[in-house]
Amino acid sequence: MTPTTPSTPSTPSATDAECVALTRNLRRRGTLVLSVFAVIWAFAGASGLASPGAALAIEITGAALTAVAIVLAYRKGAAPSPRMVSLPENWARAVGIVNVVEVAAVFAVIAASNASGHPEFIPAAIALVVGLHFFPLARLYDQWQYKGTAVLLSVVAVVGFVLIAAGLSGEGVRAVVGLGSAVVLWASAYHVAVRG
């Protein structure tokens, strides 16, 4: 903000306007990415259900939840975020590195699980990788909510591993981990869309 005197009204600087726009764009993009991946997880989880009717209901509900989250994020007239982001230097490059490492880890998990003859580990292991990647993203995007996303996705992953150890079928684990991950990502998406 520009310095003001008591008789001079405050006028935002170009830098303030850029920060407001960047904050809005990052939060909109975050909502979009979170909600799209939530619906992907929901479809994966629904594929593990025995009932085709329940799976279809989850897929329809998931698509609707994702659409509403995106509309909320991009709606005109939304109140500005109550807090501007404070991004570290080279944040975009660091985000790129985190995402490349995440994708590589996901492919490694899939390859290792299949090579070892244990594909049932794939959903829980991917949920853990995705959860862990939110820890650095919380700092890089200056979104404290992403720490909660990281913790909750990691908990969903641990639940998946426990269910595997308890003997639940691969389909059952996929349903629990997929739907649990979807709920976590939608909660985060809605929080970012509505609260900033």
C-alpha atoms as a PDB file:
ATOM      1  CA  MET A   1       0.000   0.000   0.000  1.00  0.00           C
ATOM      2  CA  THR A   2       1.106   3.549  -0.568  1.00  0.00           C
ATOM      3  CA  PRO A   3       1.735   5.744   2.456  1.00  0.00           C
ATOM      4  CA  THR A   4      -1.199   7.963   3.363  1.00  0.00           C
ATOM      5  CA  THR A   5      -1.831  10.937   5.533  1.00  0.00           C
ATOM      6  CA  PRO A   6      -5.041  11.345   7.509  1.00  0.00           C
ATOM      7  CA  SER A   7      -6.461  13.662   4.825  1.00  0.00           C
ATOM      8  CA  THR A   8      -5.417  11.510   1.861  1.00  0.00           C
ATOM      9  CA  PRO A   9      -7.498   8.442   0.995  1.00  0.00           C
ATOM     10  CA  SER A  10      -5.604   5.215   0.555  1.00  0.00           C
ATOM     11  CA  THR A  11      -5.019   4.130  -3.035  1.00  0.00           C
ATOM     12  CA  PRO A  12      -3.615   0.730  -3.866  1.00  0.00           C
ATOM     13  CA  SER A  13      -0.346   0.651  -5.735  1.00  0.00           C
ATOM     14  CA  ALA A  14       0.255  -1.361  -8.889  1.00  0.00           C
ATOM     15  CA  THR A  15       2.151  -3.845  -6.729  1.00  0.00           C
ATOM     16  CA  ASP A  16      -0.869  -4.250  -4.434  1.00  0.00           C
ATOM     17  CA  ALA A  17      -3.137  -4.830  -7.430  1.00  0.00           C
ATOM     18  CA  GLU A  18      -0.702  -7.419  -8.810  1.00  0.00           C
ATOM     19  CA  CYS A  19      -0.603  -9.187  -5.443  1.00  0.00           C
ATOM     20  CA  VAL A  20      -4.410  -9.251  -5.258  1.00  0.00           C
ATOM     21  CA  ALA A  21      -4.603 -10.653  -8.798  1.00  0.00           C
ATOM     22  CA  LEU A  22      -1.891 -13.254  -8.130  1.00  0.00           C
ATOM     23  CA  THR A  23      -3.575 -14.327  -4.900  1.00  0.00           C
ATOM     24  CA  ARG A  24      -6.942 -14.671  -6.656  1.00  0.00           C
ATOM     25  CA  ASN A  25      -5.430 -16.588  -9.594  1.00  0.00           C
ATOM     26  CA  LEU A  26      -3.448 -18.987  -7.402  1.00  0.00           C
ATOM     27  CA  ARG A  27      -6.472 -19.744  -5.254  1.00  0.00           C
ATOM     28  CA  ARG A  28      -8.694 -20.247  -8.278  1.00  0.00           C
ATOM     29  CA  ARG A  29      -6.116 -22.534  -9.873  1.00  0.00           C
ATOM     30  CA  GLY A  30      -5.709 -24.393  -6.567  1.00  0.00           C
ATOM     31  CA  THR A  31      -9.456 -24.985  -6.340  1.00  0.00           C
ATOM     32  CA  LEU A  32      -9.546 -26.203  -9.922  1.00  0.00           C
ATOM     33  CA  VAL A  33      -6.653 -28.646  -9.477  1.00  0.00           C
ATOM     34  CA  LEU A  34      -7.854 -29.914  -6.087  1.00  0.00           C
ATOM     35  CA  SER A  35     -11.421 -30.496  -7.260  1.00  0.00           C
ATOM     36  CA  VAL A  36     -10.418 -32.173 -10.543  1.00  0.00           C
ATOM     37  CA  PHE A  37      -8.126 -34.585  -8.692  1.00  0.00           C
ATOM     38  CA  ALA A  38     -10.886 -35.135  -6.121  1.00  0.00           C
ATOM     39  CA  VAL A  39     -13.250 -36.342  -8.828  1.00  0.00           C
ATOM     40  CA  ILE A  40     -10.516 -38.585 -10.261  1.00  0.00           C
ATOM     41  CA  TRP A  41     -10.056 -40.146  -6.814  1.00  0.00           C
ATOM     42  CA  ALA A  42     -13.843 -40.494  -6.479  1.00  0.00           C
ATOM     43  CA  PHE A  43     -14.046 -42.371  -9.787  1.00  0.00           C
ATOM     44  CA  ALA A  44     -11.155 -44.598  -8.700  1.00  0.00           C
ATOM     45  CA  GLY A  45     -12.877 -45.265  -5.385  1.00  0.00           C
ATOM     46  CA  ALA A  46     -16.223 -45.926  -7.062  1.00  0.00           C
ATOM     47  CA  SER A  47     -14.547 -48.527  -9.283  1.00  0.00           C
ATOM     48  CA  GLY A  48     -13.846 -50.570  -6.153  1.00  0.00           C
ATOM     49  CA  LEU A  49     -17.507 -50.764  -5.130  1.00  0.00           C
ATOM     50  CA  ALA A  50     -19.498 -53.944  -5.690  1.00  0.00           C
ATOM     51  CA  SER A  51     -22.681 -52.046  -6.562  1.00  0.00           C
ATOM     52  CA  PRO A  52     -22.760 -50.394 -10.003  1.00  0.00           C
ATOM     53  CA  GLY A  53     -25.628 -48.181  -8.818  1.00  0.00           C
ATOM     54  CA  ALA A  54     -23.630 -46.882  -5.850  1.00  0.00           C
ATOM     55  CA  ALA A  55     -20.614 -46.323  -8.093  1.00  0.00           C
ATOM     56  CA  LEU A  56     -22.713 -44.323 -10.573  1.00  0.00           C
ATOM     57  CA  ALA A  57     -24.238 -42.251  -7.764  1.00  0.00           C
ATOM     58  CA  ILE A  58     -20.773 -41.423  -6.439  1.00  0.00           C
ATOM     59  CA  GLU A  59     -19.522 -40.500  -9.914  1.00  0.00           C
ATOM     60  CA  ILE A  60     -22.505 -38.183 -10.547  1.00  0.00           C
ATOM     61  CA  THR A  61     -22.182 -36.605  -7.102  1.00  0.00           C
ATOM     62  CA  GLY A  62     -18.434 -36.230  -7.582  1.00  0.00           C
ATOM     63  CA  ALA A  63     -18.856 -34.454 -10.910  1.00  0.00           C
ATOM     64  CA  ALA A  64     -21.417 -32.108  -9.340  1.00  0.00           C
ATOM     65  CA  LEU A  65     -19.187 -31.350  -6.320  1.00  0.00           C
ATOM     66  CA  THR A  66     -16.295 -30.565  -8.631  1.00  0.00           C
ATOM     67  CA  ALA A  67     -18.417 -28.296 -10.829  1.00  0.00           C
ATOM     68  CA  VAL A  68     -19.735 -26.371  -7.810  1.00  0.00           C
ATOM     69  CA  ALA A  69     -16.218 -25.909  -6.383  1.00  0.00           C
ATOM     70  CA  ILE A  70     -14.999 -24.494  -9.705  1.00  0.00           C
ATOM     71  CA  VAL A  71     -18.007 -22.165  -9.978  1.00  0.00           C
ATOM     72  CA  LEU A  72     -17.370 -20.923  -6.433  1.00  0.00           C
ATOM     73  CA  ALA A  73     -13.726 -20.256  -7.220  1.00  0.00           C
ATOM     74  CA  TYR A  74     -14.387 -18.398 -10.466  1.00  0.00           C
ATOM     75  CA  ARG A  75     -17.604 -16.577  -9.579  1.00  0.00           C
ATOM     76  CA  LYS A  76     -17.766 -12.862 -10.241  1.00  0.00           C
ATOM     77  CA  GLY A  77     -18.231 -10.618  -7.265  1.00  0.00           C
ATOM     78  CA  ALA A  78     -16.540 -12.979  -4.834  1.00  0.00           C
ATOM     79  CA  ALA A  79     -15.066 -11.199  -1.860  1.00  0.00           C
ATOM     80  CA  PRO A  80     -11.311 -10.768  -2.123  1.00  0.00           C
ATOM     81  CA  SER A  81      -9.186 -13.120  -0.138  1.00  0.00           C
ATOM     82  CA  PRO A  82      -8.765 -11.943   3.448  1.00  0.00           C
ATOM     83  CA  ARG A  83      -5.003 -12.440   3.159  1.00  0.00           C
ATOM     84  CA  MET A  84      -2.525 -11.903   0.352  1.00  0.00           C
ATOM     85  CA  VAL A  85      -0.052 -14.667  -0.416  1.00  0.00           C
ATOM     86  CA  SER A  86       3.585 -14.165   0.490  1.00  0.00           C
ATOM     87  CA  LEU A  87       5.521 -16.332  -1.927  1.00  0.00           C
ATOM     88  CA  PRO A  88       9.171 -17.313  -1.495  1.00  0.00           C
ATOM     89  CA  GLU A  89      11.702 -16.495  -4.192  1.00  0.00           C
ATOM     90  CA  ASN A  90      11.666 -18.878  -7.157  1.00  0.00           C
ATOM     91  CA  TRP A  91       8.422 -20.378  -5.869  1.00  0.00           C
ATOM     92  CA  ALA A  92       7.189 -21.379  -9.352  1.00  0.00           C
ATOM     93  CA  ARG A  93      10.398 -23.299 -10.106  1.00  0.00           C
ATOM     94  CA  ALA A  94      10.230 -25.019  -6.725  1.00  0.00           C
ATOM     95  CA  VAL A  95       6.575 -25.967  -7.314  1.00  0.00           C
ATOM     96  CA  GLY A  96       7.596 -27.478 -10.641  1.00  0.00           C
ATOM     97  CA  ILE A  97      10.307 -29.538  -8.953  1.00  0.00           C
ATOM     98  CA  VAL A  98       7.893 -30.764  -6.258  1.00  0.00           C
ATOM     99  CA  ASN A  99       5.359 -31.783  -8.908  1.00  0.00           C
ATOM    100  CA  VAL A 100       7.948 -33.583 -11.044  1.00  0.00           C
ATOM    101  CA  VAL A 101       9.165 -35.509  -7.985  1.00  0.00           C
ATOM    102  CA  GLU A 102       5.552 -36.370  -7.125  1.00  0.00           C
ATOM    103  CA  VAL A 103       4.797 -37.700 -10.621  1.00  0.00           C
ATOM    104  CA  ALA A 104       8.040 -39.711 -10.662  1.00  0.00           C
ATOM    105  CA  ALA A 105       7.203 -41.158  -7.238  1.00  0.00           C
ATOM    106  CA  VAL A 106       3.702 -42.118  -8.390  1.00  0.00           C
ATOM    107  CA  PHE A 107       5.111 -43.977 -11.398  1.00  0.00           C
ATOM    108  CA  ALA A 108       7.725 -45.635  -9.172  1.00  0.00           C
ATOM    109  CA  VAL A 109       5.009 -46.762  -6.742  1.00  0.00           C
ATOM    110  CA  ILE A 110       2.938 -48.231  -9.559  1.00  0.00           C
ATOM    111  CA  ALA A 111       5.940 -50.007 -11.095  1.00  0.00           C
ATOM    112  CA  ALA A 112       7.196 -51.364  -7.762  1.00  0.00           C
ATOM    113  CA  SER A 113       3.741 -52.553  -6.666  1.00  0.00           C
ATOM    114  CA  ASN A 114       3.088 -54.314  -9.945  1.00  0.00           C
ATOM    115  CA  ALA A 115       6.606 -55.798 -10.147  1.00  0.00           C
ATOM    116  CA  SER A 116       6.300 -57.192  -6.635  1.00  0.00           C
ATOM    117  CA  GLY A 117       2.891 -58.701  -7.388  1.00  0.00           C
ATOM    118  CA  HIS A 118       1.075 -56.413  -4.925  1.00  0.00           C
ATOM    119  CA  PRO A 119      -1.074 -54.010  -6.975  1.00  0.00           C
ATOM    120  CA  GLU A 120      -3.380 -53.601  -3.979  1.00  0.00           C
ATOM    121  CA  PHE A 121      -0.761 -51.236  -2.509  1.00  0.00           C
ATOM    122  CA  ILE A 122      -1.082 -48.751  -5.373  1.00  0.00           C
ATOM    123  CA  PRO A 123      -3.995 -46.578  -4.089  1.00  0.00           C
ATOM    124  CA  ALA A 124      -2.614 -46.211  -0.561  1.00  0.00           C
ATOM    125  CA  ALA A 125       0.933 -45.591  -1.787  1.00  0.00           C
ATOM    126  CA  ILE A 126      -0.224 -42.966  -4.271  1.00  0.00           C
ATOM    127  CA  ALA A 127      -2.323 -41.273  -1.576  1.00  0.00           C
ATOM    128  CA  LEU A 128       0.785 -41.133   0.617  1.00  0.00           C
ATOM    129  CA  VAL A 129       2.901 -39.637  -2.179  1.00  0.00           C
ATOM    130  CA  VAL A 130       0.225 -37.045  -2.949  1.00  0.00           C
ATOM    131  CA  GLY A 131      -0.212 -36.265   0.728  1.00  0.00           C
ATOM    132  CA  LEU A 132       3.499 -35.779   1.315  1.00  0.00           C
ATOM    133  CA  HIS A 133       3.834 -33.469  -1.691  1.00  0.00           C
ATOM    134  CA  PHE A 134       1.384 -31.035  -0.063  1.00  0.00           C
ATOM    135  CA  PHE A 135       3.825 -30.290   2.782  1.00  0.00           C
ATOM    136  CA  PRO A 136       6.236 -28.273   0.597  1.00  0.00           C
ATOM    137  CA  LEU A 137       3.338 -26.861  -1.444  1.00  0.00           C
ATOM    138  CA  ALA A 138       1.850 -25.349   1.715  1.00  0.00           C
ATOM    139  CA  ARG A 139       4.945 -23.180   2.079  1.00  0.00           C
ATOM    140  CA  LEU A 140       5.517 -22.538  -1.620  1.00  0.00           C
ATOM    141  CA  TYR A 141       1.934 -21.372  -2.236  1.00  0.00           C
ATOM    142  CA  ASP A 142       1.589 -19.815   1.229  1.00  0.00           C
ATOM    143  CA  GLN A 143      -1.550 -21.866   1.808  1.00  0.00           C
ATOM    144  CA  TRP A 144      -1.572 -23.199   5.372  1.00  0.00           C
ATOM    145  CA  GLN A 145      -4.626 -25.328   4.479  1.00  0.00           C
ATOM    146  CA  TYR A 146      -2.386 -27.571   2.412  1.00  0.00           C
ATOM    147  CA  LYS A 147      -0.681 -28.806   5.604  1.00  0.00           C
ATOM    148  CA  GLY A 148      -4.051 -30.149   6.694  1.00  0.00           C
ATOM    149  CA  THR A 149      -4.528 -31.674   3.253  1.00  0.00           C
ATOM    150  CA  ALA A 150      -1.115 -33.324   3.573  1.00  0.00           C
ATOM    151  CA  VAL A 151      -1.865 -34.769   7.007  1.00  0.00           C
ATOM    152  CA  LEU A 152      -5.339 -36.033   6.094  1.00  0.00           C
ATOM    153  CA  LEU A 153      -4.219 -37.660   2.828  1.00  0.00           C
ATOM    154  CA  SER A 154      -1.374 -39.336   4.714  1.00  0.00           C
ATOM    155  CA  VAL A 155      -3.886 -40.632   7.282  1.00  0.00           C
ATOM    156  CA  VAL A 156      -6.075 -41.996   4.448  1.00  0.00           C
ATOM    157  CA  ALA A 157      -2.979 -43.748   3.061  1.00  0.00           C
ATOM    158  CA  VAL A 158      -2.131 -45.277   6.441  1.00  0.00           C
ATOM    159  CA  VAL A 159      -5.731 -46.494   6.805  1.00  0.00           C
ATOM    160  CA  GLY A 160      -5.360 -48.119   3.387  1.00  0.00           C
ATOM    161  CA  PHE A 161      -2.172 -49.914   4.436  1.00  0.00           C
ATOM    162  CA  VAL A 162      -3.850 -51.090   7.658  1.00  0.00           C
ATOM    163  CA  LEU A 163      -6.811 -52.423   5.677  1.00  0.00           C
ATOM    164  CA  ILE A 164      -4.449 -54.311   3.370  1.00  0.00           C
ATOM    165  CA  ALA A 165      -2.744 -55.844   6.406  1.00  0.00           C
ATOM    166  CA  ALA A 166      -6.173 -56.762   7.791  1.00  0.00           C
ATOM    167  CA  GLY A 167      -6.960 -58.654   4.591  1.00  0.00           C
ATOM    168  CA  LEU A 168      -9.464 -56.341   2.894  1.00  0.00           C
ATOM    169  CA  SER A 169      -9.712 -56.969  -0.841  1.00  0.00           C
ATOM    170  CA  GLY A 170      -7.903 -54.740  -3.322  1.00  0.00           C
ATOM    171  CA  GLU A 171     -11.268 -53.396  -4.487  1.00  0.00           C
ATOM    172  CA  GLY A 172     -12.268 -52.555  -0.924  1.00  0.00           C
ATOM    173  CA  VAL A 173      -8.986 -50.757  -0.280  1.00  0.00           C
ATOM    174  CA  ARG A 174      -9.364 -48.853  -3.557  1.00  0.00           C
ATOM    175  CA  ALA A 175     -12.875 -47.769  -2.534  1.00  0.00           C
ATOM    176  CA  VAL A 176     -11.818 -46.584   0.934  1.00  0.00           C
ATOM    177  CA  VAL A 177      -8.643 -44.829  -0.173  1.00  0.00           C
ATOM    178  CA  GLY A 178     -10.181 -43.361  -3.328  1.00  0.00           C
ATOM    179  CA  LEU A 179     -13.272 -41.994  -1.638  1.00  0.00           C
ATOM    180  CA  GLY A 180     -11.329 -40.834   1.432  1.00  0.00           C
ATOM    181  CA  SER A 181      -8.823 -38.987  -0.746  1.00  0.00           C
ATOM    182  CA  ALA A 182     -11.643 -37.424  -2.762  1.00  0.00           C
ATOM    183  CA  VAL A 183     -13.321 -36.087   0.373  1.00  0.00           C
ATOM    184  CA  VAL A 184     -10.047 -34.592   1.640  1.00  0.00           C
ATOM    185  CA  LEU A 185      -9.337 -32.897  -1.688  1.00  0.00           C
ATOM    186  CA  TRP A 186     -12.874 -31.533  -2.032  1.00  0.00           C
ATOM    187  CA  ALA A 187     -12.765 -30.168   1.519  1.00  0.00           C
ATOM    188  CA  SER A 188      -9.510 -28.411   0.701  1.00  0.00           C
ATOM    189  CA  ALA A 189     -10.862 -27.134  -2.636  1.00  0.00           C
ATOM    190  CA  TYR A 190     -13.988 -25.693  -1.023  1.00  0.00           C
ATOM    191  CA  HIS A 191     -11.984 -24.101   1.763  1.00  0.00           C
ATOM    192  CA  VAL A 192      -9.640 -22.422  -0.707  1.00  0.00           C
ATOM    193  CA  ALA A 193     -12.562 -21.356  -2.951  1.00  0.00           C
ATOM    194  CA  VAL A 194     -14.687 -19.897  -0.173  1.00  0.00           C
ATOM    195  CA  ARG A 195     -12.239 -18.788   2.522  1.00  0.00           C
ATOM    196  CA  GLY A 196      -9.073 -18.116   0.530  1.00  0.00           C
END
